[in-house]
ModelCIF file with pLDDT and N, C-alpha, C, O atoms, coordinates in Angstrom:
data_MODEL
#
_entry.id   MODEL 
#
_entity.id                         1 
_entity.type                       polymer 
_entity.pdbx_number_of_molecules   1 
#
_entity_poly.entity_id                      1 
_entity_poly.type                           'polypeptide(L)' 
_entity_poly.nstd_linkage                   no 
_entity_poly.nstd_monomer                   no 
_entity_poly.pdbx_seq_one_letter_code       DHVNDAYLLRVQWNRDSASALVGSLMDWAVTLLSAVGTCDGWAFEVRS 
_entity_poly.pdbx_seq_one_letter_code_can   DHVNDAYLLRVQWNRDSASALVGSLMDWAVTLLSAVGTCDGWAFEVRS 
_entity_poly.pdbx_strand_id                 A 
#
loop_
_entity_poly_seq.entity_id 
_entity_poly_seq.num 
_entity_poly_seq.mon_id 
_entity_poly_seq.hetero 
1 1  ASP n 
1 2  HIS n 
1 3  VAL n 
1 4  ASN n 
1 5  ASP n 
1 6  ALA n 
1 7  TYR n 
1 8  LEU n 
1 9  LEU n 
1 10 ARG n 
1 11 VAL n 
1 12 GLN n 
1 13 TRP n 
1 14 ASN n 
1 15 ARG n 
1 16 ASP n 
1 17 SER n 
1 18 ALA n 
1 19 SER n 
1 20 ALA n 
1 21 LEU n 
1 22 VAL n 
1 23 GLY n 
1 24 SER n 
1 25 LEU n 
1 26 MET n 
1 27 ASP n 
1 28 TRP n 
1 29 ALA n 
1 30 VAL n 
1 31 THR n 
1 32 LEU n 
1 33 LEU n 
1 34 SER n 
1 35 ALA n 
1 36 VAL n 
1 37 GLY n 
1 38 THR n 
1 39 CYS n 
1 40 ASP n 
1 41 GLY n 
1 42 TRP n 
1 43 ALA n 
1 44 PHE n 
1 45 GLU n 
1 46 VAL n 
1 47 ARG n 
1 48 SER n 
#
_struct_asym.id          A 
_struct_asym.entity_id   1 
#
loop_
_ma_qa_metric.id 
_ma_qa_metric.mode 
_ma_qa_metric.name 
_ma_qa_metric.software_group_id 
_ma_qa_metric.type 
1 global pLDDT . pLDDT 
2 local  pLDDT . pLDDT 
#
_ma_qa_metric_global.metric_id      1 
_ma_qa_metric_global.metric_value   81.75 
_ma_qa_metric_global.model_id       1 
_ma_qa_metric_global.ordinal_id     1 
#
loop_
_ma_qa_metric_local.label_asym_id 
_ma_qa_metric_local.label_comp_id 
_ma_qa_metric_local.label_seq_id 
_ma_qa_metric_local.metric_id 
_ma_qa_metric_local.metric_value 
_ma_qa_metric_local.model_id 
_ma_qa_metric_local.ordinal_id 
A ASP 1  2 89.00 1 1  
A HIS 2  2 87.00 1 2  
A VAL 3  2 82.00 1 3  
A ASN 4  2 76.00 1 4  
A ASP 5  2 78.00 1 5  
A ALA 6  2 86.00 1 6  
A TYR 7  2 91.00 1 7  
A LEU 8  2 91.00 1 8  
A LEU 9  2 91.00 1 9  
A ARG 10 2 90.00 1 10 
A VAL 11 2 86.00 1 11 
A GLN 12 2 83.00 1 12 
A TRP 13 2 75.00 1 13 
A ASN 14 2 70.00 1 14 
A ARG 15 2 61.00 1 15 
A ASP 16 2 63.00 1 16 
A SER 17 2 58.00 1 17 
A ALA 18 2 61.00 1 18 
A SER 19 2 71.00 1 19 
A ALA 20 2 77.00 1 20 
A LEU 21 2 80.00 1 21 
A VAL 22 2 75.00 1 22 
A GLY 23 2 75.00 1 23 
A SER 24 2 81.00 1 24 
A LEU 25 2 76.00 1 25 
A MET 26 2 76.00 1 26 
A ASP 27 2 80.00 1 27 
A TRP 28 2 83.00 1 28 
A ALA 29 2 78.00 1 29 
A VAL 30 2 85.00 1 30 
A THR 31 2 84.00 1 31 
A LEU 32 2 84.00 1 32 
A LEU 33 2 82.00 1 33 
A SER 34 2 82.00 1 34 
A ALA 35 2 87.00 1 35 
A VAL 36 2 88.00 1 36 
A GLY 37 2 89.00 1 37 
A THR 38 2 91.00 1 38 
A CYS 39 2 91.00 1 39 
A ASP 40 2 90.00 1 40 
A GLY 41 2 90.00 1 41 
A TRP 42 2 90.00 1 42 
A ALA 43 2 88.00 1 43 
A PHE 44 2 88.00 1 44 
A GLU 45 2 85.00 1 45 
A VAL 46 2 87.00 1 46 
A ARG 47 2 86.00 1 47 
A SER 48 2 87.00 1 48 
#
loop_
_atom_site.group_PDB 
_atom_site.id 
_atom_site.type_symbol 
_atom_site.label_atom_id 
_atom_site.label_alt_id 
_atom_site.label_comp_id 
_atom_site.label_asym_id 
_atom_site.label_entity_id 
_atom_site.label_seq_id 
_atom_site.pdbx_PDB_ins_code 
_atom_site.Cartn_x 
_atom_site.Cartn_y 
_atom_site.Cartn_z 
_atom_site.occupancy 
_atom_site.B_iso_or_equiv 
_atom_site.pdbx_formal_charge 
_atom_site.auth_seq_id 
_atom_site.auth_comp_id 
_atom_site.auth_asym_id 
_atom_site.auth_atom_id 
_atom_site.pdbx_PDB_model_num 
ATOM 1   N N  . ASP A 1 1  ? 142.808 130.388 -27.310 1.00 89.00 ? 1  ASP A N  1 
ATOM 2   C CA . ASP A 1 1  ? 142.673 128.963 -26.996 1.00 89.00 ? 1  ASP A CA 1 
ATOM 3   C C  . ASP A 1 1  ? 141.201 128.580 -27.034 1.00 89.00 ? 1  ASP A C  1 
ATOM 4   O O  . ASP A 1 1  ? 140.317 129.432 -26.950 1.00 89.00 ? 1  ASP A O  1 
ATOM 5   N N  . HIS A 1 2  ? 140.956 127.274 -27.162 1.00 87.00 ? 2  HIS A N  1 
ATOM 6   C CA . HIS A 1 2  ? 139.591 126.752 -27.235 1.00 87.00 ? 2  HIS A CA 1 
ATOM 7   C C  . HIS A 1 2  ? 139.583 125.381 -26.573 1.00 87.00 ? 2  HIS A C  1 
ATOM 8   O O  . HIS A 1 2  ? 140.266 124.467 -27.035 1.00 87.00 ? 2  HIS A O  1 
ATOM 9   N N  . VAL A 1 3  ? 138.830 125.232 -25.511 1.00 82.00 ? 3  VAL A N  1 
ATOM 10  C CA . VAL A 1 3  ? 138.721 123.965 -24.794 1.00 82.00 ? 3  VAL A CA 1 
ATOM 11  C C  . VAL A 1 3  ? 137.246 123.599 -24.698 1.00 82.00 ? 3  VAL A C  1 
ATOM 12  O O  . VAL A 1 3  ? 136.474 124.271 -24.015 1.00 82.00 ? 3  VAL A O  1 
ATOM 13  N N  . ASN A 1 4  ? 136.864 122.534 -25.383 1.00 76.00 ? 4  ASN A N  1 
ATOM 14  C CA . ASN A 1 4  ? 135.462 122.114 -25.436 1.00 76.00 ? 4  ASN A CA 1 
ATOM 15  C C  . ASN A 1 4  ? 134.596 123.276 -25.897 1.00 76.00 ? 4  ASN A C  1 
ATOM 16  O O  . ASN A 1 4  ? 134.753 123.753 -27.021 1.00 76.00 ? 4  ASN A O  1 
ATOM 17  N N  . ASP A 1 5  ? 133.668 123.750 -25.031 1.00 78.00 ? 5  ASP A N  1 
ATOM 18  C CA . ASP A 1 5  ? 132.782 124.829 -25.448 1.00 78.00 ? 5  ASP A CA 1 
ATOM 19  C C  . ASP A 1 5  ? 133.187 126.161 -24.828 1.00 78.00 ? 5  ASP A C  1 
ATOM 20  O O  . ASP A 1 5  ? 132.374 127.083 -24.754 1.00 78.00 ? 5  ASP A O  1 
ATOM 21  N N  . ALA A 1 6  ? 134.443 126.269 -24.380 1.00 86.00 ? 6  ALA A N  1 
ATOM 22  C CA . ALA A 1 6  ? 134.934 127.502 -23.766 1.00 86.00 ? 6  ALA A CA 1 
ATOM 23  C C  . ALA A 1 6  ? 136.058 128.089 -24.620 1.00 86.00 ? 6  ALA A C  1 
ATOM 24  O O  . ALA A 1 6  ? 136.898 127.362 -25.151 1.00 86.00 ? 6  ALA A O  1 
ATOM 25  N N  . TYR A 1 7  ? 136.057 129.419 -24.742 1.00 91.00 ? 7  TYR A N  1 
ATOM 26  C CA . TYR A 1 7  ? 137.053 130.118 -25.539 1.00 91.00 ? 7  TYR A CA 1 
ATOM 27  C C  . TYR A 1 7  ? 137.839 131.075 -24.649 1.00 91.00 ? 7  TYR A C  1 
ATOM 28  O O  . TYR A 1 7  ? 137.256 131.841 -23.881 1.00 91.00 ? 7  TYR A O  1 
ATOM 29  N N  . LEU A 1 8  ? 139.169 131.026 -24.758 1.00 91.00 ? 8  LEU A N  1 
ATOM 30  C CA . LEU A 1 8  ? 140.031 131.956 -24.040 1.00 91.00 ? 8  LEU A CA 1 
ATOM 31  C C  . LEU A 1 8  ? 140.393 133.099 -24.975 1.00 91.00 ? 8  LEU A C  1 
ATOM 32  O O  . LEU A 1 8  ? 140.938 132.880 -26.057 1.00 91.00 ? 8  LEU A O  1 
ATOM 33  N N  . LEU A 1 9  ? 140.086 134.322 -24.548 1.00 91.00 ? 9  LEU A N  1 
ATOM 34  C CA . LEU A 1 9  ? 140.363 135.499 -25.352 1.00 91.00 ? 9  LEU A CA 1 
ATOM 35  C C  . LEU A 1 9  ? 141.322 136.429 -24.612 1.00 91.00 ? 9  LEU A C  1 
ATOM 36  O O  . LEU A 1 9  ? 141.442 136.376 -23.388 1.00 91.00 ? 9  LEU A O  1 
ATOM 37  N N  . ARG A 1 10 ? 141.997 137.276 -25.376 1.00 90.00 ? 10 ARG A N  1 
ATOM 38  C CA . ARG A 1 10 ? 142.935 138.241 -24.806 1.00 90.00 ? 10 ARG A CA 1 
ATOM 39  C C  . ARG A 1 10 ? 142.658 139.621 -25.403 1.00 90.00 ? 10 ARG A C  1 
ATOM 40  O O  . ARG A 1 10 ? 142.468 139.771 -26.610 1.00 90.00 ? 10 ARG A O  1 
ATOM 41  N N  . VAL A 1 11 ? 142.642 140.614 -24.529 1.00 86.00 ? 11 VAL A N  1 
ATOM 42  C CA . VAL A 1 11 ? 142.502 141.995 -24.975 1.00 86.00 ? 11 VAL A CA 1 
ATOM 43  C C  . VAL A 1 11 ? 143.607 142.822 -24.334 1.00 86.00 ? 11 VAL A C  1 
ATOM 44  O O  . VAL A 1 11 ? 144.163 142.450 -23.300 1.00 86.00 ? 11 VAL A O  1 
ATOM 45  N N  . GLN A 1 12 ? 143.914 143.949 -24.965 1.00 83.00 ? 12 GLN A N  1 
ATOM 46  C CA . GLN A 1 12 ? 144.892 144.877 -24.392 1.00 83.00 ? 12 GLN A CA 1 
ATOM 47  C C  . GLN A 1 12 ? 144.311 146.282 -24.437 1.00 83.00 ? 12 GLN A C  1 
ATOM 48  O O  . GLN A 1 12 ? 143.917 146.783 -25.490 1.00 83.00 ? 12 GLN A O  1 
ATOM 49  N N  . TRP A 1 13 ? 144.270 146.901 -23.262 1.00 75.00 ? 13 TRP A N  1 
ATOM 50  C CA . TRP A 1 13 ? 143.767 148.275 -23.179 1.00 75.00 ? 13 TRP A CA 1 
ATOM 51  C C  . TRP A 1 13 ? 144.890 149.201 -22.760 1.00 75.00 ? 13 TRP A C  1 
ATOM 52  O O  . TRP A 1 13 ? 145.716 148.846 -21.919 1.00 75.00 ? 13 TRP A O  1 
ATOM 53  N N  . ASN A 1 14 ? 144.922 150.406 -23.356 1.00 70.00 ? 14 ASN A N  1 
ATOM 54  C CA . ASN A 1 14 ? 145.830 151.418 -22.850 1.00 70.00 ? 14 ASN A CA 1 
ATOM 55  C C  . ASN A 1 14 ? 145.065 152.350 -21.914 1.00 70.00 ? 14 ASN A C  1 
ATOM 56  O O  . ASN A 1 14 ? 143.870 152.162 -21.685 1.00 70.00 ? 14 ASN A O  1 
ATOM 57  N N  . ARG A 1 15 ? 145.744 153.334 -21.384 1.00 61.00 ? 15 ARG A N  1 
ATOM 58  C CA . ARG A 1 15 ? 145.123 154.210 -20.399 1.00 61.00 ? 15 ARG A CA 1 
ATOM 59  C C  . ARG A 1 15 ? 143.891 154.917 -20.966 1.00 61.00 ? 15 ARG A C  1 
ATOM 60  O O  . ARG A 1 15 ? 142.909 155.101 -20.246 1.00 61.00 ? 15 ARG A O  1 
ATOM 61  N N  . ASP A 1 16 ? 143.923 155.313 -22.227 1.00 63.00 ? 16 ASP A N  1 
ATOM 62  C CA . ASP A 1 16 ? 142.806 156.061 -22.807 1.00 63.00 ? 16 ASP A CA 1 
ATOM 63  C C  . ASP A 1 16 ? 141.597 155.179 -23.074 1.00 63.00 ? 16 ASP A C  1 
ATOM 64  O O  . ASP A 1 16 ? 140.457 155.628 -22.957 1.00 63.00 ? 16 ASP A O  1 
ATOM 65  N N  . SER A 1 17 ? 141.844 153.922 -23.434 1.00 58.00 ? 17 SER A N  1 
ATOM 66  C CA . SER A 1 17 ? 140.730 153.052 -23.816 1.00 58.00 ? 17 SER A CA 1 
ATOM 67  C C  . SER A 1 17 ? 140.198 152.225 -22.652 1.00 58.00 ? 17 SER A C  1 
ATOM 68  O O  . SER A 1 17 ? 139.150 151.590 -22.779 1.00 58.00 ? 17 SER A O  1 
ATOM 69  N N  . ALA A 1 18 ? 140.900 152.221 -21.520 1.00 61.00 ? 18 ALA A N  1 
ATOM 70  C CA . ALA A 1 18 ? 140.491 151.393 -20.397 1.00 61.00 ? 18 ALA A CA 1 
ATOM 71  C C  . ALA A 1 18 ? 139.213 151.907 -19.761 1.00 61.00 ? 18 ALA A C  1 
ATOM 72  O O  . ALA A 1 18 ? 138.967 153.113 -19.737 1.00 61.00 ? 18 ALA A O  1 
ATOM 73  N N  . SER A 1 19 ? 138.401 150.997 -19.245 1.00 71.00 ? 19 SER A N  1 
ATOM 74  C CA . SER A 1 19 ? 137.219 151.379 -18.486 1.00 71.00 ? 19 SER A CA 1 
ATOM 75  C C  . SER A 1 19 ? 137.651 151.941 -17.140 1.00 71.00 ? 19 SER A C  1 
ATOM 76  O O  . SER A 1 19 ? 138.823 151.859 -16.771 1.00 71.00 ? 19 SER A O  1 
ATOM 77  N N  . ALA A 1 20 ? 136.705 152.510 -16.414 1.00 77.00 ? 20 ALA A N  1 
ATOM 78  C CA . ALA A 1 20 ? 137.015 153.060 -15.092 1.00 77.00 ? 20 ALA A CA 1 
ATOM 79  C C  . ALA A 1 20 ? 137.560 151.980 -14.170 1.00 77.00 ? 20 ALA A C  1 
ATOM 80  O O  . ALA A 1 20 ? 138.475 152.236 -13.387 1.00 77.00 ? 20 ALA A O  1 
ATOM 81  N N  . LEU A 1 21 ? 137.003 150.764 -14.257 1.00 80.00 ? 21 LEU A N  1 
ATOM 82  C CA . LEU A 1 21 ? 137.460 149.671 -13.409 1.00 80.00 ? 21 LEU A CA 1 
ATOM 83  C C  . LEU A 1 21 ? 138.903 149.320 -13.710 1.00 80.00 ? 21 LEU A C  1 
ATOM 84  O O  . LEU A 1 21 ? 139.721 149.220 -12.796 1.00 80.00 ? 21 LEU A O  1 
ATOM 85  N N  . VAL A 1 22 ? 139.225 149.132 -14.980 1.00 75.00 ? 22 VAL A N  1 
ATOM 86  C CA . VAL A 1 22 ? 140.583 148.760 -15.367 1.00 75.00 ? 22 VAL A CA 1 
ATOM 87  C C  . VAL A 1 22 ? 141.556 149.886 -15.019 1.00 75.00 ? 22 VAL A C  1 
ATOM 88  O O  . VAL A 1 22 ? 142.669 149.625 -14.563 1.00 75.00 ? 22 VAL A O  1 
ATOM 89  N N  . GLY A 1 23 ? 141.142 151.131 -15.234 1.00 75.00 ? 23 GLY A N  1 
ATOM 90  C CA . GLY A 1 23 ? 141.985 152.259 -14.876 1.00 75.00 ? 23 GLY A CA 1 
ATOM 91  C C  . GLY A 1 23 ? 142.295 152.300 -13.399 1.00 75.00 ? 23 GLY A C  1 
ATOM 92  O O  . GLY A 1 23 ? 143.419 152.614 -13.007 1.00 75.00 ? 23 GLY A O  1 
ATOM 93  N N  . SER A 1 24 ? 141.309 151.986 -12.572 1.00 81.00 ? 24 SER A N  1 
ATOM 94  C CA . SER A 1 24 ? 141.529 151.970 -11.117 1.00 81.00 ? 24 SER A CA 1 
ATOM 95  C C  . SER A 1 24 ? 142.461 150.835 -10.717 1.00 81.00 ? 24 SER A C  1 
ATOM 96  O O  . SER A 1 24 ? 143.271 150.995 -9.805  1.00 81.00 ? 24 SER A O  1 
ATOM 97  N N  . LEU A 1 25 ? 142.358 149.685 -11.391 1.00 76.00 ? 25 LEU A N  1 
ATOM 98  C CA . LEU A 1 25 ? 143.281 148.587 -11.116 1.00 76.00 ? 25 LEU A CA 1 
ATOM 99  C C  . LEU A 1 25 ? 144.718 148.981 -11.452 1.00 76.00 ? 25 LEU A C  1 
ATOM 100 O O  . LEU A 1 25 ? 145.659 148.520 -10.806 1.00 76.00 ? 25 LEU A O  1 
ATOM 101 N N  . MET A 1 26 ? 144.883 149.829 -12.457 1.00 76.00 ? 26 MET A N  1 
ATOM 102 C CA . MET A 1 26 ? 146.208 150.293 -12.830 1.00 76.00 ? 26 MET A CA 1 
ATOM 103 C C  . MET A 1 26 ? 146.759 151.286 -11.805 1.00 76.00 ? 26 MET A C  1 
ATOM 104 O O  . MET A 1 26 ? 147.972 151.404 -11.634 1.00 76.00 ? 26 MET A O  1 
ATOM 105 N N  . ASP A 1 27 ? 145.854 152.000 -11.125 1.00 80.00 ? 27 ASP A N  1 
ATOM 106 C CA . ASP A 1 27 ? 146.268 153.073 -10.220 1.00 80.00 ? 27 ASP A CA 1 
ATOM 107 C C  . ASP A 1 27 ? 146.614 152.592 -8.814  1.00 80.00 ? 27 ASP A C  1 
ATOM 108 O O  . ASP A 1 27 ? 147.428 153.210 -8.129  1.00 80.00 ? 27 ASP A O  1 
ATOM 109 N N  . TRP A 1 28 ? 145.992 151.482 -8.379  1.00 83.00 ? 28 TRP A N  1 
ATOM 110 C CA . TRP A 1 28 ? 146.114 151.072 -6.984  1.00 83.00 ? 28 TRP A CA 1 
ATOM 111 C C  . TRP A 1 28 ? 146.679 149.666 -6.867  1.00 83.00 ? 28 TRP A C  1 
ATOM 112 O O  . TRP A 1 28 ? 146.540 148.848 -7.776  1.00 83.00 ? 28 TRP A O  1 
ATOM 113 N N  . ALA A 1 29 ? 147.319 149.395 -5.731  1.00 78.00 ? 29 ALA A N  1 
ATOM 114 C CA . ALA A 1 29 ? 147.913 148.068 -5.475  1.00 78.00 ? 29 ALA A CA 1 
ATOM 115 C C  . ALA A 1 29 ? 146.828 147.099 -5.028  1.00 78.00 ? 29 ALA A C  1 
ATOM 116 O O  . ALA A 1 29 ? 146.795 146.659 -3.879  1.00 78.00 ? 29 ALA A O  1 
ATOM 117 N N  . VAL A 1 30 ? 145.938 146.777 -5.967  1.00 85.00 ? 30 VAL A N  1 
ATOM 118 C CA . VAL A 1 30 ? 144.811 145.890 -5.707  1.00 85.00 ? 30 VAL A CA 1 
ATOM 119 C C  . VAL A 1 30 ? 144.865 144.744 -6.709  1.00 85.00 ? 30 VAL A C  1 
ATOM 120 O O  . VAL A 1 30 ? 145.064 144.968 -7.903  1.00 85.00 ? 30 VAL A O  1 
ATOM 121 N N  . THR A 1 31 ? 144.691 143.529 -6.229  1.00 84.00 ? 31 THR A N  1 
ATOM 122 C CA . THR A 1 31 ? 144.733 142.338 -7.079  1.00 84.00 ? 31 THR A CA 1 
ATOM 123 C C  . THR A 1 31 ? 143.320 141.857 -7.370  1.00 84.00 ? 31 THR A C  1 
ATOM 124 O O  . THR A 1 31 ? 142.513 141.690 -6.456  1.00 84.00 ? 31 THR A O  1 
ATOM 125 N N  . LEU A 1 32 ? 143.029 141.638 -8.635  1.00 84.00 ? 32 LEU A N  1 
ATOM 126 C CA . LEU A 1 32 ? 141.733 141.087 -9.022  1.00 84.00 ? 32 LEU A CA 1 
ATOM 127 C C  . LEU A 1 32 ? 141.769 139.582 -8.835  1.00 84.00 ? 32 LEU A C  1 
ATOM 128 O O  . LEU A 1 32 ? 142.531 138.889 -9.509  1.00 84.00 ? 32 LEU A O  1 
ATOM 129 N N  . LEU A 1 33 ? 140.950 139.069 -7.922  1.00 82.00 ? 33 LEU A N  1 
ATOM 130 C CA . LEU A 1 33 ? 140.903 137.639 -7.650  1.00 82.00 ? 33 LEU A CA 1 
ATOM 131 C C  . LEU A 1 33 ? 139.959 136.909 -8.589  1.00 82.00 ? 33 LEU A C  1 
ATOM 132 O O  . LEU A 1 33 ? 140.275 135.815 -9.056  1.00 82.00 ? 33 LEU A O  1 
ATOM 133 N N  . SER A 1 34 ? 138.813 137.495 -8.869  1.00 82.00 ? 34 SER A N  1 
ATOM 134 C CA . SER A 1 34 ? 137.862 136.836 -9.747  1.00 82.00 ? 34 SER A CA 1 
ATOM 135 C C  . SER A 1 34 ? 136.880 137.859 -10.293 1.00 82.00 ? 34 SER A C  1 
ATOM 136 O O  . SER A 1 34 ? 136.645 138.909 -9.695  1.00 82.00 ? 34 SER A O  1 
ATOM 137 N N  . ALA A 1 35 ? 136.324 137.527 -11.426 1.00 87.00 ? 35 ALA A N  1 
ATOM 138 C CA . ALA A 1 35 ? 135.281 138.356 -12.032 1.00 87.00 ? 35 ALA A CA 1 
ATOM 139 C C  . ALA A 1 35 ? 134.464 137.479 -12.953 1.00 87.00 ? 35 ALA A C  1 
ATOM 140 O O  . ALA A 1 35 ? 135.010 136.805 -13.826 1.00 87.00 ? 35 ALA A O  1 
ATOM 141 N N  . VAL A 1 36 ? 133.160 137.485 -12.763 1.00 88.00 ? 36 VAL A N  1 
ATOM 142 C CA . VAL A 1 36 ? 132.246 136.707 -13.597 1.00 88.00 ? 36 VAL A CA 1 
ATOM 143 C C  . VAL A 1 36 ? 131.153 137.642 -14.087 1.00 88.00 ? 36 VAL A C  1 
ATOM 144 O O  . VAL A 1 36 ? 130.542 138.362 -13.297 1.00 88.00 ? 36 VAL A O  1 
ATOM 145 N N  . GLY A 1 37 ? 130.909 137.631 -15.391 1.00 89.00 ? 37 GLY A N  1 
ATOM 146 C CA . GLY A 1 37 ? 129.908 138.512 -15.961 1.00 89.00 ? 37 GLY A CA 1 
ATOM 147 C C  . GLY A 1 37 ? 128.898 137.775 -16.816 1.00 89.00 ? 37 GLY A C  1 
ATOM 148 O O  . GLY A 1 37 ? 129.234 136.820 -17.516 1.00 89.00 ? 37 GLY A O  1 
ATOM 149 N N  . THR A 1 38 ? 127.654 138.232 -16.750 1.00 91.00 ? 38 THR A N  1 
ATOM 150 C CA . THR A 1 38 ? 126.584 137.783 -17.644 1.00 91.00 ? 38 THR A CA 1 
ATOM 151 C C  . THR A 1 38 ? 125.856 139.029 -18.118 1.00 91.00 ? 38 THR A C  1 
ATOM 152 O O  . THR A 1 38 ? 126.244 140.149 -17.786 1.00 91.00 ? 38 THR A O  1 
ATOM 153 N N  . CYS A 1 39 ? 124.813 138.832 -18.886 1.00 91.00 ? 39 CYS A N  1 
ATOM 154 C CA . CYS A 1 39 ? 124.042 139.976 -19.362 1.00 91.00 ? 39 CYS A CA 1 
ATOM 155 C C  . CYS A 1 39 ? 123.344 140.708 -18.221 1.00 91.00 ? 39 CYS A C  1 
ATOM 156 O O  . CYS A 1 39 ? 122.859 141.823 -18.408 1.00 91.00 ? 39 CYS A O  1 
ATOM 157 N N  . ASP A 1 40 ? 123.289 140.090 -17.039 1.00 90.00 ? 40 ASP A N  1 
ATOM 158 C CA . ASP A 1 40 ? 122.649 140.708 -15.877 1.00 90.00 ? 40 ASP A CA 1 
ATOM 159 C C  . ASP A 1 40 ? 123.603 141.554 -15.046 1.00 90.00 ? 40 ASP A C  1 
ATOM 160 O O  . ASP A 1 40 ? 123.169 142.258 -14.134 1.00 90.00 ? 40 ASP A O  1 
ATOM 161 N N  . GLY A 1 41 ? 124.897 141.493 -15.347 1.00 90.00 ? 41 GLY A N  1 
ATOM 162 C CA . GLY A 1 41 ? 125.854 142.283 -14.598 1.00 90.00 ? 41 GLY A CA 1 
ATOM 163 C C  . GLY A 1 41 ? 127.106 141.497 -14.262 1.00 90.00 ? 41 GLY A C  1 
ATOM 164 O O  . GLY A 1 41 ? 127.293 140.373 -14.728 1.00 90.00 ? 41 GLY A O  1 
ATOM 165 N N  . TRP A 1 42 ? 127.976 142.110 -13.435 1.00 90.00 ? 42 TRP A N  1 
ATOM 166 C CA . TRP A 1 42 ? 129.280 141.545 -13.113 1.00 90.00 ? 42 TRP A CA 1 
ATOM 167 C C  . TRP A 1 42 ? 129.453 141.382 -11.617 1.00 90.00 ? 42 TRP A C  1 
ATOM 168 O O  . TRP A 1 42 ? 128.970 142.201 -10.836 1.00 90.00 ? 42 TRP A O  1 
ATOM 169 N N  . ALA A 1 43 ? 130.150 140.310 -11.213 1.00 88.00 ? 43 ALA A N  1 
ATOM 170 C CA . ALA A 1 43 ? 130.515 140.093 -9.814  1.00 88.00 ? 43 ALA A CA 1 
ATOM 171 C C  . ALA A 1 43 ? 132.034 140.050 -9.729  1.00 88.00 ? 43 ALA A C  1 
ATOM 172 O O  . ALA A 1 43 ? 132.679 139.250 -10.407 1.00 88.00 ? 43 ALA A O  1 
ATOM 173 N N  . PHE A 1 44 ? 132.605 140.923 -8.884  1.00 88.00 ? 44 PHE A N  1 
ATOM 174 C CA . PHE A 1 44 ? 134.054 141.043 -8.769  1.00 88.00 ? 44 PHE A CA 1 
ATOM 175 C C  . PHE A 1 44 ? 134.513 140.759 -7.350  1.00 88.00 ? 44 PHE A C  1 
ATOM 176 O O  . PHE A 1 44 ? 133.780 140.982 -6.386  1.00 88.00 ? 44 PHE A O  1 
ATOM 177 N N  . GLU A 1 45 ? 135.749 140.259 -7.238  1.00 85.00 ? 45 GLU A N  1 
ATOM 178 C CA . GLU A 1 45 ? 136.396 140.097 -5.946  1.00 85.00 ? 45 GLU A CA 1 
ATOM 179 C C  . GLU A 1 45 ? 137.825 140.590 -6.082  1.00 85.00 ? 45 GLU A C  1 
ATOM 180 O O  . GLU A 1 45 ? 138.551 140.172 -6.985  1.00 85.00 ? 45 GLU A O  1 
ATOM 181 N N  . VAL A 1 46 ? 138.228 141.482 -5.183  1.00 87.00 ? 46 VAL A N  1 
ATOM 182 C CA . VAL A 1 46 ? 139.578 142.040 -5.221  1.00 87.00 ? 46 VAL A CA 1 
ATOM 183 C C  . VAL A 1 46 ? 140.226 141.891 -3.856  1.00 87.00 ? 46 VAL A C  1 
ATOM 184 O O  . VAL A 1 46 ? 139.543 141.753 -2.841  1.00 87.00 ? 46 VAL A O  1 
ATOM 185 N N  . ARG A 1 47 ? 141.554 141.922 -3.842  1.00 86.00 ? 47 ARG A N  1 
ATOM 186 C CA . ARG A 1 47 ? 142.314 141.790 -2.602  1.00 86.00 ? 47 ARG A CA 1 
ATOM 187 C C  . ARG A 1 47 ? 143.365 142.886 -2.536  1.00 86.00 ? 47 ARG A C  1 
ATOM 188 O O  . ARG A 1 47 ? 143.958 143.262 -3.548  1.00 86.00 ? 47 ARG A O  1 
ATOM 189 N N  . SER A 1 48 ? 143.586 143.392 -1.327  1.00 87.00 ? 48 SER A N  1 
ATOM 190 C CA . SER A 1 48 ? 144.633 144.383 -1.116  1.00 87.00 ? 48 SER A CA 1 
ATOM 191 C C  . SER A 1 48 ? 145.360 144.079 0.187   1.00 87.00 ? 48 SER A C  1 
ATOM 192 O O  . SER A 1 48 ? 146.287 144.798 0.559   1.00 87.00 ? 48 SER A O  1 
#
Protein backbone atom coordinates (compact mmCIF):
# COMPACT_ATOMS: atom_id res chain seq x y z
CA ASP A 1 0.00 0.00 0.00
CA HIS A 2 1.00 3.64 -0.47
CA VAL A 3 -0.58 6.58 1.36
CA ASN A 4 0.87 10.01 0.59
CA ASP A 5 4.58 9.71 1.41
CA ALA A 6 4.27 6.50 3.46
CA TYR A 7 4.66 2.96 2.14
CA LEU A 8 3.24 -0.19 3.76
CA LEU A 9 5.47 -3.22 3.24
CA ARG A 10 5.12 -6.88 4.17
CA VAL A 11 7.81 -9.44 4.88
CA GLN A 12 7.68 -13.09 5.88
CA TRP A 13 10.39 -14.77 7.91
CA ASN A 14 10.72 -18.43 8.76
CA ARG A 15 12.48 -19.79 11.82
CA ASP A 16 15.88 -19.95 10.08
CA SER A 17 15.79 -16.46 8.61
CA ALA A 18 14.23 -14.66 11.58
CA SER A 19 16.29 -12.30 13.71
CA ALA A 20 16.79 -13.03 17.39
CA LEU A 21 14.00 -10.58 18.24
CA VAL A 22 11.48 -12.16 15.87
CA GLY A 23 12.49 -15.64 17.01
CA SER A 24 11.88 -14.69 20.64
CA LEU A 25 8.45 -13.29 19.74
CA MET A 26 7.66 -16.67 18.21
CA ASP A 27 8.80 -18.49 21.36
CA TRP A 28 7.00 -16.51 24.07
CA ALA A 29 3.46 -15.25 24.72
CA VAL A 30 4.50 -11.62 24.27
CA THR A 31 2.64 -9.07 22.15
CA LEU A 32 4.53 -6.40 20.23
CA LEU A 33 2.73 -3.11 20.87
CA SER A 34 4.96 -0.78 18.91
CA ALA A 35 8.33 -0.51 17.24
CA VAL A 36 9.92 2.52 15.60
CA GLY A 37 13.30 2.41 13.90
CA THR A 38 15.70 4.92 12.38
CA CYS A 39 19.34 4.73 11.41
CA ASP A 40 20.13 5.49 15.08
CA GLY A 41 18.42 2.37 16.40
CA TRP A 42 15.07 0.87 17.40
CA ALA A 43 12.55 1.54 20.18
CA PHE A 44 10.25 -1.35 21.11
CA GLU A 45 7.31 -1.83 23.45
CA VAL A 46 5.96 -5.28 24.32
CA ARG A 47 3.20 -6.56 26.58
CA SER A 48 2.75 -9.84 28.41
